[in-house]
C-alpha atoms as a PDB file:
ATOM      1  CA  MET A   1       9.120  46.215  95.183  1.00  0.00           C
ATOM      2  CA  PRO A   2      12.100  48.540  95.169  1.00  0.00           C
ATOM      3  CA  GLU A   3      12.204  50.548  97.919  1.00  0.00           C
ATOM      4  CA  ASN A   4      11.235  54.015  96.732  1.00  0.00           C
ATOM      5  CA  ALA A   5       8.300  52.380  94.627  1.00  0.00           C
ATOM      6  CA  GLY A   6       7.065  51.306  98.057  1.00  0.00           C
ATOM      7  CA  LYS A   7       7.457  55.406  99.736  1.00  0.00           C
ATOM      8  CA  ILE A   8       5.942  56.355  95.850  1.00  0.00           C
ATOM      9  CA  ILE A   9       3.172  53.972  97.287  1.00  0.00           C
ATOM     10  CA  TRP A  10       3.216  54.689 100.889  1.00  0.00           C
ATOM     11  CA  SER A  11       2.382  58.281  99.726  1.00  0.00           C
ATOM     12  CA  LYS A  12      -0.841  58.002  97.705  1.00  0.00           C
ATOM     13  CA  HIS A  13      -1.928  55.240 100.064  1.00  0.00           C
ATOM     14  CA  LEU A  14      -1.658  58.200 102.313  1.00  0.00           C
ATOM     15  CA  TYR A  15      -3.389  61.095 100.505  1.00  0.00           C
ATOM     16  CA  GLN A  16      -6.832  58.709  99.890  1.00  0.00           C
ATOM     17  CA  LYS A  17      -7.098  58.265 103.285  1.00  0.00           C
ATOM     18  CA  ILE A  18      -6.885  61.424 104.090  1.00  0.00           C
ATOM     19  CA  ALA A  19      -9.008  62.790 101.011  1.00  0.00           C
ATOM     20  CA  GLY A  20     -11.867  60.547 101.934  1.00  0.00           C
ATOM     21  CA  PRO A  21     -13.842  62.656 104.687  1.00  0.00           C
ATOM     22  CA  ILE A  22     -13.084  65.919 103.646  1.00  0.00           C
ATOM     23  CA  THR A  23     -14.856  64.463 100.474  1.00  0.00           C
ATOM     24  CA  LYS A  24     -18.284  63.822 102.219  1.00  0.00           C
ATOM     25  CA  PHE A  25     -18.816  67.535 104.247  1.00  0.00           C
ATOM     26  CA  PRO A  26     -21.380  68.584 103.140  1.00  0.00           C
ATOM     27  CA  GLN A  27     -21.426  71.842 100.979  1.00  0.00           C
ATOM     28  CA  ASN A  28     -23.329  74.281 103.632  1.00  0.00           C
ATOM     29  CA  VAL A  29     -20.688  73.168 106.480  1.00  0.00           C
ATOM     30  CA  ILE A  30     -17.546  73.932 104.531  1.00  0.00           C
ATOM     31  CA  HIS A  31     -17.678  77.249 103.906  1.00  0.00           C
ATOM     32  CA  SER A  32     -17.876  78.192 108.133  1.00  0.00           C
ATOM     33  CA  SER A  33     -14.483  79.965 109.310  1.00  0.00           C
ATOM     34  CA  GLU A  34     -14.015  76.344 111.796  1.00  0.00           C
ATOM     35  CA  ILE A  35     -13.269  73.489 108.482  1.00  0.00           C
ATOM     36  CA  LYS A  36     -11.579  76.482 106.690  1.00  0.00           C
ATOM     37  CA  LYS A  37      -8.478  76.048 108.942  1.00  0.00           C
ATOM     38  CA  TYR A  38      -9.029  71.837 108.521  1.00  0.00           C
ATOM     39  CA  TYR A  39      -9.384  72.132 104.564  1.00  0.00           C
ATOM     40  CA  GLY A  40      -6.060  74.412 104.835  1.00  0.00           C
ATOM     41  CA  ASN A  41      -4.552  71.826 106.402  1.00  0.00           C
ATOM     42  CA  TYR A  42      -5.218  69.389 104.420  1.00  0.00           C
ATOM     43  CA  ASN A  43      -4.663  71.284 101.447  1.00  0.00           C
ATOM     44  CA  THR A  44      -1.066  71.699 103.299  1.00  0.00           C
ATOM     45  CA  LEU A  45      -0.794  67.967 103.606  1.00  0.00           C
ATOM     46  CA  GLY A  46      -1.747  67.384 100.268  1.00  0.00           C
ATOM     47  CA  LYS A  47       1.094  69.861  98.741  1.00  0.00           C
ATOM     48  CA  MET A  48       3.560  67.608 100.677  1.00  0.00           C
ATOM     49  CA  LEU A  49       2.124  64.149 100.066  1.00  0.00           C
ATOM     50  CA  THR A  50       2.202  64.866  96.299  1.00  0.00           C
ATOM     51  CA  ILE A  51       5.601  66.633  96.372  1.00  0.00           C
ATOM     52  CA  ASN A  52       7.150  63.954  98.164  1.00  0.00           C
ATOM     53  CA  GLU A  53       5.320  61.596  95.776  1.00  0.00           C
ATOM     54  CA  MET A  54       6.952  63.278  93.063  1.00  0.00           C
ATOM     55  CA  TRP A  55      10.708  63.230  94.969  1.00  0.00           C
ATOM     56  CA  TYR A  56      10.529  59.715  94.672  1.00  0.00           C
ATOM     57  CA  TYR A  57       9.291  58.600  91.736  1.00  0.00           C
ATOM     58  CA  ASP A  58      12.599  60.998  90.032  1.00  0.00           C
ATOM     59  CA  LEU A  59      14.945  59.357  91.973  1.00  0.00           C
ATOM     60  CA  TRP A  60      13.622  55.519  91.628  1.00  0.00           C
ATOM     61  CA  VAL A  61      13.753  56.876  87.507  1.00  0.00           C
ATOM     62  CA  LYS A  62      17.722  57.871  88.009  1.00  0.00           C
ATOM     63  CA  GLU A  63      17.955  54.773  89.647  1.00  0.00           C
ATOM     64  CA  ILE A  64      16.418  53.176  86.787  1.00  0.00           C
ATOM     65  CA  GLU A  65      17.934  55.036  84.325  1.00  0.00           C
ATOM     66  CA  ARG A  66      21.610  53.950  85.935  1.00  0.00           C
ATOM     67  CA  SER A  67      20.506  50.136  85.719  1.00  0.00           C
ATOM     68  CA  LYS A  68      20.115  50.528  82.654  1.00  0.00           C
ATOM     69  CA  ALA A  69      23.867  51.572  81.765  1.00  0.00           C
ATOM     70  CA  ALA A  70      24.983  48.848  84.340  1.00  0.00           C
ATOM     71  CA  LEU A  71      22.783  45.743  82.605  1.00  0.00           C
ATOM     72  CA  GLN A  72      24.620  47.227  79.316  1.00  0.00           C
ATOM     73  CA  ALA A  73      28.082  46.507  80.808  1.00  0.00           C
ATOM     74  CA  THR A  74      30.670  44.321  79.159  1.00  0.00           C
ATOM     75  CA  LEU A  75      30.315  41.164  81.140  1.00  0.00           C
ATOM     76  CA  ILE A  76      33.387  39.611  80.318  1.00  0.00           C
ATOM     77  CA  VAL A  77      36.675  41.260  78.575  1.00  0.00           C
ATOM     78  CA  ARG A  78      39.595  39.623  77.010  1.00  0.00           C
ATOM     79  CA  HIS A  79      43.118  40.622  77.239  1.00  0.00           C
END
């Protein structure tokens, strides 16, 4: 597996791990001020993981494009 693909999978997996407990809070508890602090941390971490995933995805796409160009190069040159 390419290195960047592993990083993308890691970001998605970690996001799923933090999203599970947050979605299980009851609606009446969500509006308390203490829980809002945790939601803020959750949102910040979620945004960072999403940005991380998008950044590595762009790197992966660029790496694939470079690989395609290398695969189309002539292997044997006659002089």
